[in-house]
Amino acid sequence: MAKEILKDEILKDEELDQVAGGTYAQTFNDMNRFSRETGFQFHGSDSNKREQLRDILFKCGVKIKDHGGFSDNEYFLLDRQGNRIRSLTETEAMNTAIHNYRNGDFIC
Protein backbone atom coordinates (compact mmCIF):
# COMPACT_ATOMS: atom_id res chain seq x y z
CA MET A 1 0.00 0.00 0.00
CA ALA A 2 2.83 2.41 0.79
CA LYS A 3 4.29 1.89 -2.68
CA GLU A 4 0.93 2.72 -4.24
CA ILE A 5 0.69 5.95 -2.27
CA LEU A 6 4.27 6.97 -3.14
CA LYS A 7 3.75 6.10 -6.80
CA ASP A 8 1.18 8.90 -7.00
CA GLU A 9 3.68 11.34 -5.43
CA ILE A 10 6.43 10.94 -8.06
CA LEU A 11 6.90 14.12 -10.08
CA LYS A 12 7.58 14.35 -13.79
CA ASP A 13 10.60 16.36 -15.05
CA GLU A 14 8.33 19.27 -16.00
CA GLU A 15 6.91 19.34 -12.48
CA LEU A 16 10.38 19.15 -10.94
CA ASP A 17 11.32 22.35 -12.75
CA GLN A 18 8.69 24.10 -10.63
CA VAL A 19 9.93 22.71 -7.30
CA ALA A 20 12.20 24.69 -5.00
CA GLY A 21 15.59 23.37 -5.78
CA GLY A 22 19.16 22.85 -4.90
CA THR A 23 19.75 23.45 -1.28
CA TYR A 24 17.61 26.21 0.13
CA ALA A 25 20.77 27.97 1.26
CA GLN A 26 22.20 27.91 -2.28
CA THR A 27 19.05 29.38 -3.80
CA PHE A 28 18.73 31.93 -0.98
CA ASN A 29 22.35 33.01 -1.57
CA ASP A 30 21.66 33.38 -5.30
CA MET A 31 18.65 35.61 -4.54
CA ASN A 32 20.61 37.74 -2.09
CA ARG A 33 23.56 38.20 -4.44
CA PHE A 34 21.37 39.02 -7.43
CA SER A 35 19.33 41.51 -5.40
CA ARG A 36 22.38 43.12 -3.81
CA GLU A 37 24.24 43.55 -7.10
CA THR A 38 21.34 44.59 -9.34
CA GLY A 39 18.79 46.22 -7.03
CA PHE A 40 16.15 43.70 -8.16
CA GLN A 41 13.63 43.10 -5.38
CA PHE A 42 12.06 39.70 -4.79
CA HIS A 43 8.53 39.74 -3.32
CA GLY A 44 6.10 37.30 -1.79
CA SER A 45 6.54 33.91 -0.20
CA ASP A 46 9.77 31.93 -0.42
CA SER A 47 8.20 29.84 -3.16
CA ASN A 48 7.31 32.97 -5.14
CA LYS A 49 10.80 34.38 -4.67
CA ARG A 50 12.40 31.18 -5.99
CA GLU A 51 10.10 31.31 -9.01
CA GLN A 52 11.03 34.96 -9.58
CA LEU A 53 14.72 34.01 -9.40
CA ARG A 54 14.27 31.28 -12.02
CA ASP A 55 12.32 33.69 -14.25
CA ILE A 56 14.74 36.62 -14.07
CA LEU A 57 17.81 34.42 -14.53
CA PHE A 58 16.18 32.80 -17.56
CA LYS A 59 15.57 36.25 -19.06
CA CYS A 60 19.25 36.97 -18.42
CA GLY A 61 20.34 33.83 -20.31
CA VAL A 62 20.79 31.39 -17.42
CA LYS A 63 18.67 28.32 -16.68
CA ILE A 64 18.58 26.80 -13.19
CA LYS A 65 17.81 23.10 -13.06
CA ASP A 66 16.80 22.40 -9.51
CA HIS A 67 16.36 18.92 -8.18
CA GLY A 68 15.10 19.60 -4.68
CA GLY A 69 16.44 17.99 -1.57
CA PHE A 70 20.15 18.24 -0.93
CA SER A 71 21.41 18.24 -4.53
CA ASP A 72 23.09 21.38 -5.79
CA ASN A 73 21.41 23.43 -8.48
CA GLU A 74 22.69 23.02 -12.01
CA TYR A 75 23.15 26.11 -14.16
CA PHE A 76 23.18 26.40 -17.96
CA LEU A 77 24.08 29.20 -20.35
CA LEU A 78 21.28 29.78 -22.88
CA ASP A 79 21.29 31.10 -26.42
CA ARG A 80 18.82 33.75 -27.64
CA GLN A 81 16.22 31.04 -28.35
CA GLY A 82 16.48 29.65 -24.81
CA ASN A 83 18.47 26.56 -25.81
CA ARG A 84 21.20 25.26 -23.54
CA ILE A 85 24.71 26.02 -24.76
CA ARG A 86 26.79 24.64 -21.89
CA SER A 87 26.91 24.04 -18.15
CA LEU A 88 28.01 26.81 -15.81
CA THR A 89 29.27 26.88 -12.27
CA GLU A 90 27.11 28.78 -9.81
CA THR A 91 29.59 31.68 -9.86
CA GLU A 92 29.69 31.79 -13.67
CA ALA A 93 25.90 31.67 -13.80
CA MET A 94 25.43 34.51 -11.34
CA ASN A 95 28.16 36.64 -12.96
CA THR A 96 26.54 36.14 -16.37
CA ALA A 97 23.02 36.91 -15.15
CA ILE A 98 24.11 40.01 -13.21
CA HIS A 99 26.14 41.32 -16.15
CA ASN A 100 23.25 40.76 -18.59
CA TYR A 101 20.71 42.32 -16.22
CA ARG A 102 22.83 45.43 -15.68
CA ASN A 103 23.32 45.82 -19.44
CA GLY A 104 19.69 45.11 -20.38
CA ASP A 105 20.79 42.09 -22.39
CA PHE A 106 17.74 39.83 -22.17
CA ILE A 107 16.95 36.77 -24.26
CA CYS A 108 13.19 37.35 -24.06
PDB file of N, CA and C in Angstrom:
ATOM      1  N   MET A   1       0.818  -1.192   0.000  1.00  0.00           N
ATOM      2  CA  MET A   1       0.000   0.000   0.000  1.00  0.00           C
ATOM      3  C   MET A   1       0.866   1.263   0.000  1.00  0.00           C
ATOM      4  N   ALA A   2       1.962   1.232   0.745  1.00  0.00           N
ATOM      5  CA  ALA A   2       2.834   2.412   0.790  1.00  0.00           C
ATOM      6  C   ALA A   2       3.395   2.720  -0.587  1.00  0.00           C
ATOM      7  N   LYS A   3       3.752   1.669  -1.337  1.00  0.00           N
ATOM      8  CA  LYS A   3       4.294   1.894  -2.677  1.00  0.00           C
ATOM      9  C   LYS A   3       3.249   2.530  -3.584  1.00  0.00           C
ATOM     10  N   GLU A   4       1.990   2.137  -3.427  1.00  0.00           N
ATOM     11  CA  GLU A   4       0.926   2.715  -4.239  1.00  0.00           C
ATOM     12  C   GLU A   4       0.747   4.199  -3.918  1.00  0.00           C
ATOM     13  N   ILE A   5       0.828   4.558  -2.667  1.00  0.00           N
ATOM     14  CA  ILE A   5       0.687   5.954  -2.271  1.00  0.00           C
ATOM     15  C   ILE A   5       1.861   6.762  -2.817  1.00  0.00           C
ATOM     16  N   LEU A   6       3.087   6.264  -2.660  1.00  0.00           N
ATOM     17  CA  LEU A   6       4.268   6.969  -3.140  1.00  0.00           C
ATOM     18  C   LEU A   6       4.288   7.082  -4.654  1.00  0.00           C
ATOM     19  N   LYS A   7       3.778   6.063  -5.339  1.00  0.00           N
ATOM     20  CA  LYS A   7       3.750   6.099  -6.802  1.00  0.00           C
ATOM     21  C   LYS A   7       3.010   7.336  -7.295  1.00  0.00           C
ATOM     22  N   ASP A   8       1.959   7.728  -6.608  1.00  0.00           N
ATOM     23  CA  ASP A   8       1.183   8.898  -6.998  1.00  0.00           C
ATOM     24  C   ASP A   8       1.906  10.207  -6.675  1.00  0.00           C
ATOM     25  N   GLU A   9       2.951  10.148  -5.854  1.00  0.00           N
ATOM     26  CA  GLU A   9       3.677  11.343  -5.434  1.00  0.00           C
ATOM     27  C   GLU A   9       4.908  11.620  -6.286  1.00  0.00           C
ATOM     28  N   ILE A  10       5.254  10.746  -7.214  1.00  0.00           N
ATOM     29  CA  ILE A  10       6.426  10.936  -8.058  1.00  0.00           C
ATOM     30  C   ILE A  10       6.143  12.034  -9.074  1.00  0.00           C
ATOM     31  N   LEU A  11       7.074  12.983  -9.178  1.00  0.00           N
ATOM     32  CA  LEU A  11       6.896  14.117 -10.083  1.00  0.00           C
ATOM     33  C   LEU A  11       7.580  13.865 -11.420  1.00  0.00           C
ATOM     34  N   LYS A  12       6.980  14.390 -12.464  1.00  0.00           N
ATOM     35  CA  LYS A  12       7.576  14.353 -13.789  1.00  0.00           C
ATOM     36  C   LYS A  12       8.642  15.437 -13.877  1.00  0.00           C
ATOM     37  N   ASP A  13       9.541  15.364 -14.890  1.00  0.00           N
ATOM     38  CA  ASP A  13      10.599  16.363 -15.047  1.00  0.00           C
ATOM     39  C   ASP A  13      10.038  17.771 -15.138  1.00  0.00           C
ATOM     40  N   GLU A  14       8.926  17.945 -15.860  1.00  0.00           N
ATOM     41  CA  GLU A  14       8.332  19.265 -16.003  1.00  0.00           C
ATOM     42  C   GLU A  14       7.883  19.809 -14.648  1.00  0.00           C
ATOM     43  N   GLU A  15       7.357  18.920 -13.800  1.00  0.00           N
ATOM     44  CA  GLU A  15       6.912  19.337 -12.478  1.00  0.00           C
ATOM     45  C   GLU A  15       8.104  19.653 -11.579  1.00  0.00           C
ATOM     46  N   LEU A  16       9.189  18.897 -11.747  1.00  0.00           N
ATOM     47  CA  LEU A  16      10.377  19.146 -10.941  1.00  0.00           C
ATOM     48  C   LEU A  16      10.963  20.518 -11.212  1.00  0.00           C
ATOM     49  N   ASP A  17      10.821  21.020 -12.424  1.00  0.00           N
ATOM     50  CA  ASP A  17      11.323  22.350 -12.749  1.00  0.00           C
ATOM     51  C   ASP A  17      10.637  23.426 -11.927  1.00  0.00           C
ATOM     52  N   GLN A  18       9.443  23.128 -11.401  1.00  0.00           N
ATOM     53  CA  GLN A  18       8.685  24.102 -10.635  1.00  0.00           C
ATOM     54  C   GLN A  18       8.891  23.955  -9.126  1.00  0.00           C
ATOM     55  N   VAL A  19       9.698  22.988  -8.715  1.00  0.00           N
ATOM     56  CA  VAL A  19       9.931  22.714  -7.304  1.00  0.00           C
ATOM     57  C   VAL A  19      11.122  23.527  -6.819  1.00  0.00           C
ATOM     58  N   ALA A  20      11.051  23.986  -5.585  1.00  0.00           N
ATOM     59  CA  ALA A  20      12.202  24.687  -5.004  1.00  0.00           C
ATOM     60  C   ALA A  20      13.391  23.756  -5.059  1.00  0.00           C
ATOM     61  N   GLY A  21      14.519  24.290  -5.479  1.00  0.00           N
ATOM     62  CA  GLY A  21      15.594  23.366  -5.783  1.00  0.00           C
ATOM     63  C   GLY A  21      16.896  23.637  -5.110  1.00  0.00           C
ATOM     64  N   GLY A  22      17.847  22.789  -5.495  1.00  0.00           N
ATOM     65  CA  GLY A  22      19.162  22.855  -4.901  1.00  0.00           C
ATOM     66  C   GLY A  22      18.995  22.801  -3.398  1.00  0.00           C
ATOM     67  N   THR A  23      19.963  23.277  -2.700  1.00  0.00           N
ATOM     68  CA  THR A  23      19.746  23.449  -1.282  1.00  0.00           C
ATOM     69  C   THR A  23      19.087  24.798  -1.111  1.00  0.00           C
ATOM     70  N   TYR A  24      18.274  24.928  -0.104  1.00  0.00           N
ATOM     71  CA  TYR A  24      17.612  26.213   0.125  1.00  0.00           C
ATOM     72  C   TYR A  24      18.655  27.302   0.298  1.00  0.00           C
ATOM     73  N   ALA A  25      19.726  26.977   1.017  1.00  0.00           N
ATOM     74  CA  ALA A  25      20.774  27.973   1.258  1.00  0.00           C
ATOM     75  C   ALA A  25      21.393  28.445  -0.053  1.00  0.00           C
ATOM     76  N   GLN A  26      21.609  27.542  -0.989  1.00  0.00           N
ATOM     77  CA  GLN A  26      22.195  27.913  -2.281  1.00  0.00           C
ATOM     78  C   GLN A  26      21.271  28.867  -3.030  1.00  0.00           C
ATOM     79  N   THR A  27      20.012  28.535  -3.100  1.00  0.00           N
ATOM     80  CA  THR A  27      19.046  29.375  -3.799  1.00  0.00           C
ATOM     81  C   THR A  27      18.888  30.725  -3.093  1.00  0.00           C
ATOM     82  N   PHE A  28      18.841  30.702  -1.762  1.00  0.00           N
ATOM     83  CA  PHE A  28      18.733  31.931  -0.981  1.00  0.00           C
ATOM     84  C   PHE A  28      19.948  32.832  -1.238  1.00  0.00           C
ATOM     85  N   ASN A  29      21.139  32.239  -1.277  1.00  0.00           N
ATOM     86  CA  ASN A  29      22.352  33.012  -1.568  1.00  0.00           C
ATOM     87  C   ASN A  29      22.310  33.612  -2.965  1.00  0.00           C
ATOM     88  N   ASP A  30      21.802  32.852  -3.938  1.00  0.00           N
ATOM     89  CA  ASP A  30      21.657  33.379  -5.300  1.00  0.00           C
ATOM     90  C   ASP A  30      20.731  34.589  -5.317  1.00  0.00           C
ATOM     91  N   MET A  31      19.602  34.492  -4.608  1.00  0.00           N
ATOM     92  CA  MET A  31      18.653  35.611  -4.545  1.00  0.00           C
ATOM     93  C   MET A  31      19.294  36.831  -3.905  1.00  0.00           C
ATOM     94  N   ASN A  32      19.981  36.618  -2.786  1.00  0.00           N
ATOM     95  CA  ASN A  32      20.610  37.742  -2.094  1.00  0.00           C
ATOM     96  C   ASN A  32      21.669  38.411  -2.960  1.00  0.00           C
ATOM     97  N   ARG A  33      22.515  37.620  -3.602  1.00  0.00           N
ATOM     98  CA  ARG A  33      23.561  38.205  -4.438  1.00  0.00           C
ATOM     99  C   ARG A  33      22.958  38.971  -5.606  1.00  0.00           C
ATOM    100  N   PHE A  34      21.977  38.365  -6.279  1.00  0.00           N
ATOM    101  CA  PHE A  34      21.368  39.020  -7.433  1.00  0.00           C
ATOM    102  C   PHE A  34      20.718  40.337  -7.008  1.00  0.00           C
ATOM    103  N   SER A  35      20.000  40.309  -5.901  1.00  0.00           N
ATOM    104  CA  SER A  35      19.330  41.508  -5.399  1.00  0.00           C
ATOM    105  C   SER A  35      20.341  42.582  -5.006  1.00  0.00           C
ATOM    106  N   ARG A  36      21.360  42.179  -4.283  1.00  0.00           N
ATOM    107  CA  ARG A  36      22.379  43.117  -3.808  1.00  0.00           C
ATOM    108  C   ARG A  36      23.114  43.788  -4.968  1.00  0.00           C
ATOM    109  N   GLU A  37      23.421  43.023  -6.011  1.00  0.00           N
ATOM    110  CA  GLU A  37      24.242  43.553  -7.097  1.00  0.00           C
ATOM    111  C   GLU A  37      23.450  44.209  -8.227  1.00  0.00           C
ATOM    112  N   THR A  38      22.138  43.997  -8.257  1.00  0.00           N
ATOM    113  CA  THR A  38      21.338  44.590  -9.337  1.00  0.00           C
ATOM    114  C   THR A  38      20.253  45.538  -8.838  1.00  0.00           C
ATOM    115  N   GLY A  39      19.897  45.436  -7.561  1.00  0.00           N
ATOM    116  CA  GLY A  39      18.793  46.223  -7.031  1.00  0.00           C
ATOM    117  C   GLY A  39      17.440  45.579  -7.263  1.00  0.00           C
ATOM    118  N   PHE A  40      17.405  44.412  -7.921  1.00  0.00           N
ATOM    119  CA  PHE A  40      16.154  43.698  -8.160  1.00  0.00           C
ATOM    120  C   PHE A  40      15.577  43.254  -6.813  1.00  0.00           C
ATOM    121  N   GLN A  41      14.282  43.474  -6.626  1.00  0.00           N
ATOM    122  CA  GLN A  41      13.628  43.103  -5.375  1.00  0.00           C
ATOM    123  C   GLN A  41      12.716  41.900  -5.588  1.00  0.00           C
ATOM    124  N   PHE A  42      12.909  40.883  -4.775  1.00  0.00           N
ATOM    125  CA  PHE A  42      12.056  39.698  -4.794  1.00  0.00           C
ATOM    126  C   PHE A  42      10.931  39.916  -3.795  1.00  0.00           C
ATOM    127  N   HIS A  43       9.710  39.495  -4.162  1.00  0.00           N
ATOM    128  CA  HIS A  43       8.534  39.740  -3.321  1.00  0.00           C
ATOM    129  C   HIS A  43       7.746  38.451  -3.125  1.00  0.00           C
ATOM    130  N   GLY A  44       7.010  38.408  -2.033  1.00  0.00           N
ATOM    131  CA  GLY A  44       6.095  37.300  -1.789  1.00  0.00           C
ATOM    132  C   GLY A  44       6.711  36.226  -0.920  1.00  0.00           C
ATOM    133  N   SER A  45       6.093  35.059  -0.994  1.00  0.00           N
ATOM    134  CA  SER A  45       6.539  33.914  -0.200  1.00  0.00           C
ATOM    135  C   SER A  45       7.875  33.402  -0.732  1.00  0.00           C
ATOM    136  N   ASP A  46       8.514  32.531   0.035  1.00  0.00           N
ATOM    137  CA  ASP A  46       9.773  31.935  -0.419  1.00  0.00           C
ATOM    138  C   ASP A  46       9.598  31.228  -1.750  1.00  0.00           C
ATOM    139  N   SER A  47       8.482  30.539  -1.907  1.00  0.00           N
ATOM    140  CA  SER A  47       8.202  29.842  -3.163  1.00  0.00           C
ATOM    141  C   SER A  47       8.108  30.829  -4.327  1.00  0.00           C
ATOM    142  N   ASN A  48       7.424  31.940  -4.101  1.00  0.00           N
ATOM    143  CA  ASN A  48       7.308  32.974  -5.144  1.00  0.00           C
ATOM    144  C   ASN A  48       8.658  33.588  -5.464  1.00  0.00           C
ATOM    145  N   LYS A  49       9.479  33.801  -4.450  1.00  0.00           N
ATOM    146  CA  LYS A  49      10.802  34.380  -4.666  1.00  0.00           C
ATOM    147  C   LYS A  49      11.675  33.443  -5.495  1.00  0.00           C
ATOM    148  N   ARG A  50      11.610  32.154  -5.213  1.00  0.00           N
ATOM    149  CA  ARG A  50      12.398  31.185  -5.990  1.00  0.00           C
ATOM    150  C   ARG A  50      11.934  31.162  -7.439  1.00  0.00           C
ATOM    151  N   GLU A  51      10.625  31.260  -7.642  1.00  0.00           N
ATOM    152  CA  GLU A  51      10.097  31.309  -9.010  1.00  0.00           C
ATOM    153  C   GLU A  51      10.560  32.590  -9.716  1.00  0.00           C
ATOM    154  N   GLN A  52      10.545  33.704  -9.006  1.00  0.00           N
ATOM    155  CA  GLN A  52      11.027  34.956  -9.583  1.00  0.00           C
ATOM    156  C   GLN A  52      12.508  34.854  -9.947  1.00  0.00           C
ATOM    157  N   LEU A  53      13.299  34.198  -9.092  1.00  0.00           N
ATOM    158  CA  LEU A  53      14.720  34.015  -9.396  1.00  0.00           C
ATOM    159  C   LEU A  53      14.891  33.216 -10.679  1.00  0.00           C
ATOM    160  N   ARG A  54      14.174  32.096 -10.795  1.00  0.00           N
ATOM    161  CA  ARG A  54      14.265  31.282 -12.019  1.00  0.00           C
ATOM    162  C   ARG A  54      13.880  32.104 -13.243  1.00  0.00           C
ATOM    163  N   ASP A  55      12.804  32.891 -13.121  1.00  0.00           N
ATOM    164  CA  ASP A  55      12.319  33.686 -14.255  1.00  0.00           C
ATOM    165  C   ASP A  55      13.319  34.763 -14.673  1.00  0.00           C
ATOM    166  N   ILE A  56      13.841  35.521 -13.709  1.00  0.00           N
ATOM    167  CA  ILE A  56      14.740  36.619 -14.071  1.00  0.00           C
ATOM    168  C   ILE A  56      16.067  36.085 -14.588  1.00  0.00           C
ATOM    169  N   LEU A  57      16.565  34.983 -14.018  1.00  0.00           N
ATOM    170  CA  LEU A  57      17.812  34.419 -14.534  1.00  0.00           C
ATOM    171  C   LEU A  57      17.615  33.891 -15.946  1.00  0.00           C
ATOM    172  N   PHE A  58      16.459  33.280 -16.205  1.00  0.00           N
ATOM    173  CA  PHE A  58      16.180  32.796 -17.560  1.00  0.00           C
ATOM    174  C   PHE A  58      16.206  33.959 -18.548  1.00  0.00           C
ATOM    175  N   LYS A  59      15.573  35.064 -18.186  1.00  0.00           N
ATOM    176  CA  LYS A  59      15.571  36.251 -19.061  1.00  0.00           C
ATOM    177  C   LYS A  59      16.984  36.766 -19.290  1.00  0.00           C
ATOM    178  N   CYS A  60      17.850  36.520 -18.317  1.00  0.00           N
ATOM    179  CA  CYS A  60      19.249  36.965 -18.421  1.00  0.00           C
ATOM    180  C   CYS A  60      20.150  35.900 -19.043  1.00  0.00           C
ATOM    181  N   GLY A  61      19.562  34.836 -19.585  1.00  0.00           N
ATOM    182  CA  GLY A  61      20.336  33.834 -20.306  1.00  0.00           C
ATOM    183  C   GLY A  61      20.896  32.703 -19.485  1.00  0.00           C
ATOM    184  N   VAL A  62      20.319  32.475 -18.293  1.00  0.00           N
ATOM    185  CA  VAL A  62      20.788  31.393 -17.420  1.00  0.00           C
ATOM    186  C   VAL A  62      19.595  30.558 -16.974  1.00  0.00           C
ATOM    187  N   LYS A  63      19.717  29.257 -17.117  1.00  0.00           N
ATOM    188  CA  LYS A  63      18.673  28.323 -16.676  1.00  0.00           C
ATOM    189  C   LYS A  63      19.149  27.618 -15.420  1.00  0.00           C
ATOM    190  N   ILE A  64      18.295  27.586 -14.402  1.00  0.00           N
ATOM    191  CA  ILE A  64      18.576  26.803 -13.194  1.00  0.00           C
ATOM    192  C   ILE A  64      17.790  25.511 -13.298  1.00  0.00           C
ATOM    193  N   LYS A  65      18.467  24.412 -13.151  1.00  0.00           N
ATOM    194  CA  LYS A  65      17.808  23.103 -13.060  1.00  0.00           C
ATOM    195  C   LYS A  65      17.894  22.696 -11.608  1.00  0.00           C
ATOM    196  N   ASP A  66      16.773  22.754 -10.917  1.00  0.00           N
ATOM    197  CA  ASP A  66      16.803  22.401  -9.508  1.00  0.00           C
ATOM    198  C   ASP A  66      16.147  21.055  -9.287  1.00  0.00           C
ATOM    199  N   HIS A  67      16.777  20.306  -8.415  1.00  0.00           N
ATOM    200  CA  HIS A  67      16.364  18.918  -8.178  1.00  0.00           C
ATOM    201  C   HIS A  67      15.651  18.747  -6.851  1.00  0.00           C
ATOM    202  N   GLY A  68      15.684  19.733  -6.006  1.00  0.00           N
ATOM    203  CA  GLY A  68      15.103  19.602  -4.683  1.00  0.00           C
ATOM    204  C   GLY A  68      16.018  18.819  -3.768  1.00  0.00           C
ATOM    205  N   GLY A  69      15.644  18.750  -2.525  1.00  0.00           N
ATOM    206  CA  GLY A  69      16.444  17.995  -1.573  1.00  0.00           C
ATOM    207  C   GLY A  69      17.791  18.625  -1.309  1.00  0.00           C
ATOM    208  N   PHE A  70      18.813  17.784  -1.299  1.00  0.00           N
ATOM    209  CA  PHE A  70      20.150  18.239  -0.932  1.00  0.00           C
ATOM    210  C   PHE A  70      21.082  18.343  -2.127  1.00  0.00           C
ATOM    211  N   SER A  71      20.585  18.140  -3.330  1.00  0.00           N
ATOM    212  CA  SER A  71      21.414  18.238  -4.529  1.00  0.00           C
ATOM    213  C   SER A  71      21.609  19.698  -4.900  1.00  0.00           C
ATOM    214  N   ASP A  72      22.820  20.021  -5.339  1.00  0.00           N
ATOM    215  CA  ASP A  72      23.090  21.381  -5.785  1.00  0.00           C
ATOM    216  C   ASP A  72      22.311  21.694  -7.047  1.00  0.00           C
ATOM    217  N   ASN A  73      22.015  22.974  -7.226  1.00  0.00           N
ATOM    218  CA  ASN A  73      21.413  23.432  -8.476  1.00  0.00           C
ATOM    219  C   ASN A  73      22.399  23.203  -9.609  1.00  0.00           C
ATOM    220  N   GLU A  74      21.870  23.021 -10.799  1.00  0.00           N
ATOM    221  CA  GLU A  74      22.687  23.017 -12.009  1.00  0.00           C
ATOM    222  C   GLU A  74      22.338  24.280 -12.778  1.00  0.00           C
ATOM    223  N   TYR A  75      23.328  24.857 -13.431  1.00  0.00           N
ATOM    224  CA  TYR A  75      23.152  26.107 -14.165  1.00  0.00           C
ATOM    225  C   TYR A  75      23.602  25.906 -15.605  1.00  0.00           C
ATOM    226  N   PHE A  76      22.867  26.527 -16.542  1.00  0.00           N
ATOM    227  CA  PHE A  76      23.181  26.396 -17.961  1.00  0.00           C
ATOM    228  C   PHE A  76      23.133  27.762 -18.630  1.00  0.00           C
ATOM    229  N   LEU A  77      24.083  28.007 -19.505  1.00  0.00           N
ATOM    230  CA  LEU A  77      24.083  29.196 -20.351  1.00  0.00           C
ATOM    231  C   LEU A  77      23.118  28.937 -21.494  1.00  0.00           C
ATOM    232  N   LEU A  78      22.285  29.930 -21.821  1.00  0.00           N
ATOM    233  CA  LEU A  78      21.279  29.783 -22.876  1.00  0.00           C
ATOM    234  C   LEU A  78      21.602  30.683 -24.055  1.00  0.00           C
ATOM    235  N   ASP A  79      21.190  30.240 -25.247  1.00  0.00           N
ATOM    236  CA  ASP A  79      21.292  31.105 -26.422  1.00  0.00           C
ATOM    237  C   ASP A  79      20.040  31.988 -26.496  1.00  0.00           C
ATOM    238  N   ARG A  80      19.947  32.800 -27.513  1.00  0.00           N
ATOM    239  CA  ARG A  80      18.820  33.748 -27.644  1.00  0.00           C
ATOM    240  C   ARG A  80      17.466  33.055 -27.796  1.00  0.00           C
ATOM    241  N   GLN A  81      17.471  31.788 -28.207  1.00  0.00           N
ATOM    242  CA  GLN A  81      16.218  31.042 -28.352  1.00  0.00           C
ATOM    243  C   GLN A  81      15.884  30.246 -27.084  1.00  0.00           C
ATOM    244  N   GLY A  82      16.728  30.367 -26.054  1.00  0.00           N
ATOM    245  CA  GLY A  82      16.477  29.651 -24.810  1.00  0.00           C
ATOM    246  C   GLY A  82      17.020  28.250 -24.788  1.00  0.00           C
ATOM    247  N   ASN A  83      17.857  27.883 -25.762  1.00  0.00           N
ATOM    248  CA  ASN A  83      18.466  26.555 -25.807  1.00  0.00           C
ATOM    249  C   ASN A  83      19.745  26.533 -24.982  1.00  0.00           C
ATOM    250  N   ARG A  84      19.995  25.406 -24.343  1.00  0.00           N
ATOM    251  CA  ARG A  84      21.202  25.258 -23.539  1.00  0.00           C
ATOM    252  C   ARG A  84      22.438  25.228 -24.429  1.00  0.00           C
ATOM    253  N   ILE A  85      23.438  26.015 -24.050  1.00  0.00           N
ATOM    254  CA  ILE A  85      24.713  26.023 -24.758  1.00  0.00           C
ATOM    255  C   ILE A  85      25.723  25.158 -24.007  1.00  0.00           C
ATOM    256  N   ARG A  86      25.850  25.414 -22.696  1.00  0.00           N
ATOM    257  CA  ARG A  86      26.794  24.638 -21.889  1.00  0.00           C
ATOM    258  C   ARG A  86      26.463  24.809 -20.415  1.00  0.00           C
ATOM    259  N   SER A  87      27.058  23.948 -19.601  1.00  0.00           N
ATOM    260  CA  SER A  87      26.906  24.038 -18.150  1.00  0.00           C
ATOM    261  C   SER A  87      27.751  25.178 -17.608  1.00  0.00           C
ATOM    262  N   LEU A  88      27.289  25.746 -16.494  1.00  0.00           N
ATOM    263  CA  LEU A  88      28.013  26.810 -15.809  1.00  0.00           C
ATOM    264  C   LEU A  88      28.161  26.448 -14.338  1.00  0.00           C
ATOM    265  N   THR A  89      29.191  26.968 -13.724  1.00  0.00           N
ATOM    266  CA  THR A  89      29.267  26.884 -12.271  1.00  0.00           C
ATOM    267  C   THR A  89      28.284  27.904 -11.707  1.00  0.00           C
ATOM    268  N   GLU A  90      28.013  27.814 -10.435  1.00  0.00           N
ATOM    269  CA  GLU A  90      27.112  28.781  -9.805  1.00  0.00           C
ATOM    270  C   GLU A  90      27.674  30.201  -9.950  1.00  0.00           C
ATOM    271  N   THR A  91      28.968  30.363  -9.734  1.00  0.00           N
ATOM    272  CA  THR A  91      29.595  31.685  -9.857  1.00  0.00           C
ATOM    273  C   THR A  91      29.502  32.214 -11.281  1.00  0.00           C
ATOM    274  N   GLU A  92      29.806  31.372 -12.273  1.00  0.00           N
ATOM    275  CA  GLU A  92      29.689  31.792 -13.675  1.00  0.00           C
ATOM    276  C   GLU A  92      28.253  32.187 -14.008  1.00  0.00           C
ATOM    277  N   ALA A  93      27.314  31.402 -13.520  1.00  0.00           N
ATOM    278  CA  ALA A  93      25.900  31.672 -13.800  1.00  0.00           C
ATOM    279  C   ALA A  93      25.474  33.018 -13.227  1.00  0.00           C
ATOM    280  N   MET A  94      25.833  33.257 -11.973  1.00  0.00           N
ATOM    281  CA  MET A  94      25.431  34.508 -11.345  1.00  0.00           C
ATOM    282  C   MET A  94      26.151  35.696 -11.975  1.00  0.00           C
ATOM    283  N   ASN A  95      27.431  35.551 -12.293  1.00  0.00           N
ATOM    284  CA  ASN A  95      28.162  36.635 -12.958  1.00  0.00           C
ATOM    285  C   ASN A  95      27.530  36.975 -14.298  1.00  0.00           C
ATOM    286  N   THR A  96      27.165  35.948 -15.059  1.00  0.00           N
ATOM    287  CA  THR A  96      26.538  36.145 -16.369  1.00  0.00           C
ATOM    288  C   THR A  96      25.191  36.844 -16.228  1.00  0.00           C
ATOM    289  N   ALA A  97      24.357  36.343 -15.325  1.00  0.00           N
ATOM    290  CA  ALA A  97      23.022  36.913 -15.145  1.00  0.00           C
ATOM    291  C   ALA A  97      23.102  38.363 -14.670  1.00  0.00           C
ATOM    292  N   ILE A  98      23.976  38.642 -13.733  1.00  0.00           N
ATOM    293  CA  ILE A  98      24.114  40.007 -13.210  1.00  0.00           C
ATOM    294  C   ILE A  98      24.618  40.939 -14.305  1.00  0.00           C
ATOM    295  N   HIS A  99      25.613  40.511 -15.046  1.00  0.00           N
ATOM    296  CA  HIS A  99      26.140  41.319 -16.151  1.00  0.00           C
ATOM    297  C   HIS A  99      25.037  41.620 -17.175  1.00  0.00           C
ATOM    298  N   ASN A 100      24.307  40.583 -17.583  1.00  0.00           N
ATOM    299  CA  ASN A 100      23.254  40.765 -18.589  1.00  0.00           C
ATOM    300  C   ASN A 100      22.127  41.644 -18.066  1.00  0.00           C
ATOM    301  N   TYR A 101      21.768  41.494 -16.803  1.00  0.00           N
ATOM    302  CA  TYR A 101      20.710  42.324 -16.223  1.00  0.00           C
ATOM    303  C   TYR A 101      21.129  43.791 -16.208  1.00  0.00           C
ATOM    304  N   ARG A 102      22.331  44.050 -15.760  1.00  0.00           N
ATOM    305  CA  ARG A 102      22.833  45.428 -15.684  1.00  0.00           C
ATOM    306  C   ARG A 102      22.893  46.093 -17.057  1.00  0.00           C
ATOM    307  N   ASN A 103      23.173  45.286 -18.092  1.00  0.00           N
ATOM    308  CA  ASN A 103      23.320  45.823 -19.441  1.00  0.00           C
ATOM    309  C   ASN A 103      22.041  45.713 -20.267  1.00  0.00           C
ATOM    310  N   GLY A 104      20.961  45.231 -19.657  1.00  0.00           N
ATOM    311  CA  GLY A 104      19.688  45.113 -20.376  1.00  0.00           C
ATOM    312  C   GLY A 104      19.743  44.097 -21.488  1.00  0.00           C
ATOM    313  N   ASP A 105      20.618  43.113 -21.354  1.00  0.00           N
ATOM    314  CA  ASP A 105      20.790  42.089 -22.389  1.00  0.00           C
ATOM    315  C   ASP A 105      19.936  40.873 -22.034  1.00  0.00           C
ATOM    316  N   PHE A 106      18.688  40.891 -22.492  1.00  0.00           N
ATOM    317  CA  PHE A 106      17.738  39.834 -22.171  1.00  0.00           C
ATOM    318  C   PHE A 106      17.476  38.963 -23.389  1.00  0.00           C
ATOM    319  N   ILE A 107      17.236  37.664 -23.139  1.00  0.00           N
ATOM    320  CA  ILE A 107      16.953  36.774 -24.265  1.00  0.00           C
ATOM    321  C   ILE A 107      15.470  36.763 -24.624  1.00  0.00           C
ATOM    322  N   CYS A 108      14.630  37.269 -23.742  1.00  0.00           N
ATOM    323  CA  CYS A 108      13.193  37.353 -24.065  1.00  0.00           C
ATOM    324  C   CYS A 108      12.564  38.522 -23.373  1.00  0.00           C
TER     325      CYS A 108
END
